[in-house]
Amino acid sequence: LSLAAVRSADIKRQRQHQRRETVRKFCASIINSTPFSILTTLLTIMALFGEDIRLASTTKPADSVFNVITGICIVVFSAEIMISSFGKDGYFMGFFFLLDILAT
């Protein structure tokens, strides 16, 4: 290989590493943010008690609203797993990853 080819490959690796590090930092900033924590906490409460609230206090037409909220919960929790996998060291395939997969 020529010296130019080696330098080109080196530059390419450095750029890939920089992109990965940028994505990791961005994901970590989302996961560690207070608004995201509040959102996931509220959605967790909704996921745990939403069905009981629906049965106790609403009529049949409100079912579709609760179904949409449940769908939003699944999407946000799935996104949280993916973002945590990129943004938290040691999360992917770890204990809490497996718990999150089972819970979702």
C-alpha atoms as a PDB file:
ATOM      1  CA  LEU A   1       0.000   0.000   0.000  1.00  0.00           C
ATOM      2  CA  SER A   2       1.100   3.490  -0.695  1.00  0.00           C
ATOM      3  CA  LEU A   3       1.564   6.109   1.982  1.00  0.00           C
ATOM      4  CA  ALA A   4      -1.388   8.090   0.573  1.00  0.00           C
ATOM      5  CA  ALA A   5      -3.685   5.045   0.853  1.00  0.00           C
ATOM      6  CA  VAL A   6      -2.636   4.466   4.465  1.00  0.00           C
ATOM      7  CA  ARG A   7      -3.247   8.118   5.339  1.00  0.00           C
ATOM      8  CA  SER A   8      -6.617   8.036   3.602  1.00  0.00           C
ATOM      9  CA  ALA A   9      -7.655   4.940   5.566  1.00  0.00           C
ATOM     10  CA  ASP A  10      -6.424   6.576   8.775  1.00  0.00           C
ATOM     11  CA  ILE A  11      -8.464   9.708   8.101  1.00  0.00           C
ATOM     12  CA  LYS A  12     -11.532   7.608   7.315  1.00  0.00           C
ATOM     13  CA  ARG A  13     -11.193   5.709  10.624  1.00  0.00           C
ATOM     14  CA  GLN A  14     -10.801   8.948  12.542  1.00  0.00           C
ATOM     15  CA  ARG A  15     -13.936  10.399  10.965  1.00  0.00           C
ATOM     16  CA  GLN A  16     -15.913   7.243  11.733  1.00  0.00           C
ATOM     17  CA  HIS A  17     -14.740   7.365  15.337  1.00  0.00           C
ATOM     18  CA  GLN A  18     -15.699  11.053  15.584  1.00  0.00           C
ATOM     19  CA  ARG A  19     -19.181  10.314  14.179  1.00  0.00           C
ATOM     20  CA  ARG A  20     -19.700   7.438  16.617  1.00  0.00           C
ATOM     21  CA  GLU A  21     -18.543   9.580  19.523  1.00  0.00           C
ATOM     22  CA  THR A  22     -20.862  12.411  18.446  1.00  0.00           C
ATOM     23  CA  VAL A  23     -23.830  10.021  18.279  1.00  0.00           C
ATOM     24  CA  ARG A  24     -22.903   8.516  21.667  1.00  0.00           C
ATOM     25  CA  LYS A  25     -22.697  11.948  23.300  1.00  0.00           C
ATOM     26  CA  PHE A  26     -26.003  13.031  21.738  1.00  0.00           C
ATOM     27  CA  CYS A  27     -27.751   9.857  22.939  1.00  0.00           C
ATOM     28  CA  ALA A  28     -26.231  10.243  26.411  1.00  0.00           C
ATOM     29  CA  SER A  29     -27.471  13.837  26.600  1.00  0.00           C
ATOM     30  CA  ILE A  30     -31.018  12.704  25.747  1.00  0.00           C
ATOM     31  CA  ILE A  31     -31.028   9.811  28.225  1.00  0.00           C
ATOM     32  CA  ASN A  32     -29.582  11.946  31.039  1.00  0.00           C
ATOM     33  CA  SER A  33     -31.880  14.925  30.464  1.00  0.00           C
ATOM     34  CA  THR A  34     -34.499  15.871  33.049  1.00  0.00           C
ATOM     35  CA  PRO A  35     -37.346  16.323  30.522  1.00  0.00           C
ATOM     36  CA  PHE A  36     -36.764  12.822  29.119  1.00  0.00           C
ATOM     37  CA  SER A  37     -36.714  11.366  32.637  1.00  0.00           C
ATOM     38  CA  ILE A  38     -39.975  13.139  33.469  1.00  0.00           C
ATOM     39  CA  LEU A  39     -41.565  11.922  30.225  1.00  0.00           C
ATOM     40  CA  THR A  40     -40.588   8.297  30.798  1.00  0.00           C
ATOM     41  CA  THR A  41     -41.694   8.464  34.445  1.00  0.00           C
ATOM     42  CA  LEU A  42     -45.125   9.791  33.477  1.00  0.00           C
ATOM     43  CA  LEU A  43     -45.471   7.199  30.721  1.00  0.00           C
ATOM     44  CA  THR A  44     -44.461   4.451  33.162  1.00  0.00           C
ATOM     45  CA  ILE A  45     -47.185   5.554  35.579  1.00  0.00           C
ATOM     46  CA  MET A  46     -49.637   5.639  32.683  1.00  0.00           C
ATOM     47  CA  ALA A  47     -48.574   2.173  31.547  1.00  0.00           C
ATOM     48  CA  LEU A  48     -49.006   0.795  35.062  1.00  0.00           C
ATOM     49  CA  PHE A  49     -52.300   2.442  35.994  1.00  0.00           C
ATOM     50  CA  GLY A  50     -53.850   3.601  32.702  1.00  0.00           C
ATOM     51  CA  GLU A  51     -56.027   0.540  32.234  1.00  0.00           C
ATOM     52  CA  ASP A  52     -57.414   0.828  35.772  1.00  0.00           C
ATOM     53  CA  ILE A  53     -58.110   4.529  35.257  1.00  0.00           C
ATOM     54  CA  ARG A  54     -59.820   3.773  31.954  1.00  0.00           C
ATOM     55  CA  LEU A  55     -62.040   1.081  33.454  1.00  0.00           C
ATOM     56  CA  ALA A  56     -62.924   3.109  36.547  1.00  0.00           C
ATOM     57  CA  SER A  57     -63.604   6.502  35.037  1.00  0.00           C
ATOM     58  CA  THR A  58     -64.340   6.428  31.308  1.00  0.00           C
ATOM     59  CA  THR A  59     -66.807   5.028  28.822  1.00  0.00           C
ATOM     60  CA  LYS A  60     -66.283   2.971  25.675  1.00  0.00           C
ATOM     61  CA  PRO A  61     -65.562   5.946  23.338  1.00  0.00           C
ATOM     62  CA  ALA A  62     -62.468   6.816  25.401  1.00  0.00           C
ATOM     63  CA  ASP A  63     -60.886   3.448  24.610  1.00  0.00           C
ATOM     64  CA  SER A  64     -59.260   4.755  21.435  1.00  0.00           C
ATOM     65  CA  VAL A  65     -57.534   7.576  23.363  1.00  0.00           C
ATOM     66  CA  PHE A  66     -56.088   5.082  25.829  1.00  0.00           C
ATOM     67  CA  ASN A  67     -55.019   2.805  22.956  1.00  0.00           C
ATOM     68  CA  VAL A  68     -53.114   5.698  21.358  1.00  0.00           C
ATOM     69  CA  ILE A  69     -51.438   6.524  24.675  1.00  0.00           C
ATOM     70  CA  THR A  70     -50.444   2.865  25.065  1.00  0.00           C
ATOM     71  CA  GLY A  71     -48.949   2.910  21.558  1.00  0.00           C
ATOM     72  CA  ILE A  72     -46.996   6.063  22.417  1.00  0.00           C
ATOM     73  CA  CYS A  73     -45.682   4.331  25.553  1.00  0.00           C
ATOM     74  CA  ILE A  74     -44.415   1.382  23.526  1.00  0.00           C
ATOM     75  CA  VAL A  75     -42.727   3.654  20.969  1.00  0.00           C
ATOM     76  CA  VAL A  76     -41.049   5.842  23.618  1.00  0.00           C
ATOM     77  CA  PHE A  77     -39.886   2.855  25.685  1.00  0.00           C
ATOM     78  CA  SER A  78     -38.492   1.160  22.577  1.00  0.00           C
ATOM     79  CA  ALA A  79     -36.705   4.372  21.592  1.00  0.00           C
ATOM     80  CA  GLU A  80     -35.329   4.644  25.128  1.00  0.00           C
ATOM     81  CA  ILE A  81     -33.806   1.160  24.810  1.00  0.00           C
ATOM     82  CA  MET A  82     -32.157   2.035  21.498  1.00  0.00           C
ATOM     83  CA  ILE A  83     -30.896   5.412  22.696  1.00  0.00           C
ATOM     84  CA  SER A  84     -29.574   3.898  25.932  1.00  0.00           C
ATOM     85  CA  SER A  85     -27.769   1.223  23.935  1.00  0.00           C
ATOM     86  CA  PHE A  86     -25.849   3.943  22.110  1.00  0.00           C
ATOM     87  CA  GLY A  87     -25.513   6.424  24.959  1.00  0.00           C
ATOM     88  CA  LYS A  88     -24.720   4.324  28.035  1.00  0.00           C
ATOM     89  CA  ASP A  89     -21.532   2.331  28.322  1.00  0.00           C
ATOM     90  CA  GLY A  90     -22.174  -1.269  29.323  1.00  0.00           C
ATOM     91  CA  TYR A  91     -25.955  -1.017  28.850  1.00  0.00           C
ATOM     92  CA  PHE A  92     -26.348  -3.090  25.685  1.00  0.00           C
ATOM     93  CA  MET A  93     -26.936  -6.752  26.554  1.00  0.00           C
ATOM     94  CA  GLY A  94     -26.478  -5.945  30.244  1.00  0.00           C
ATOM     95  CA  PHE A  95     -28.850  -6.640  33.117  1.00  0.00           C
ATOM     96  CA  PHE A  96     -30.896  -3.440  32.760  1.00  0.00           C
ATOM     97  CA  PHE A  97     -31.087  -3.866  28.977  1.00  0.00           C
ATOM     98  CA  LEU A  98     -32.665  -7.284  29.458  1.00  0.00           C
ATOM     99  CA  LEU A  99     -35.060  -5.932  32.091  1.00  0.00           C
ATOM    100  CA  ASP A 100     -36.113  -3.112  29.759  1.00  0.00           C
ATOM    101  CA  ILE A 101     -36.672  -5.563  26.902  1.00  0.00           C
ATOM    102  CA  LEU A 102     -38.850  -7.757  29.115  1.00  0.00           C
ATOM    103  CA  ALA A 103     -40.774  -4.780  30.486  1.00  0.00           C
ATOM    104  CA  THR A 104     -41.455  -3.291  27.073  1.00  0.00           C
END
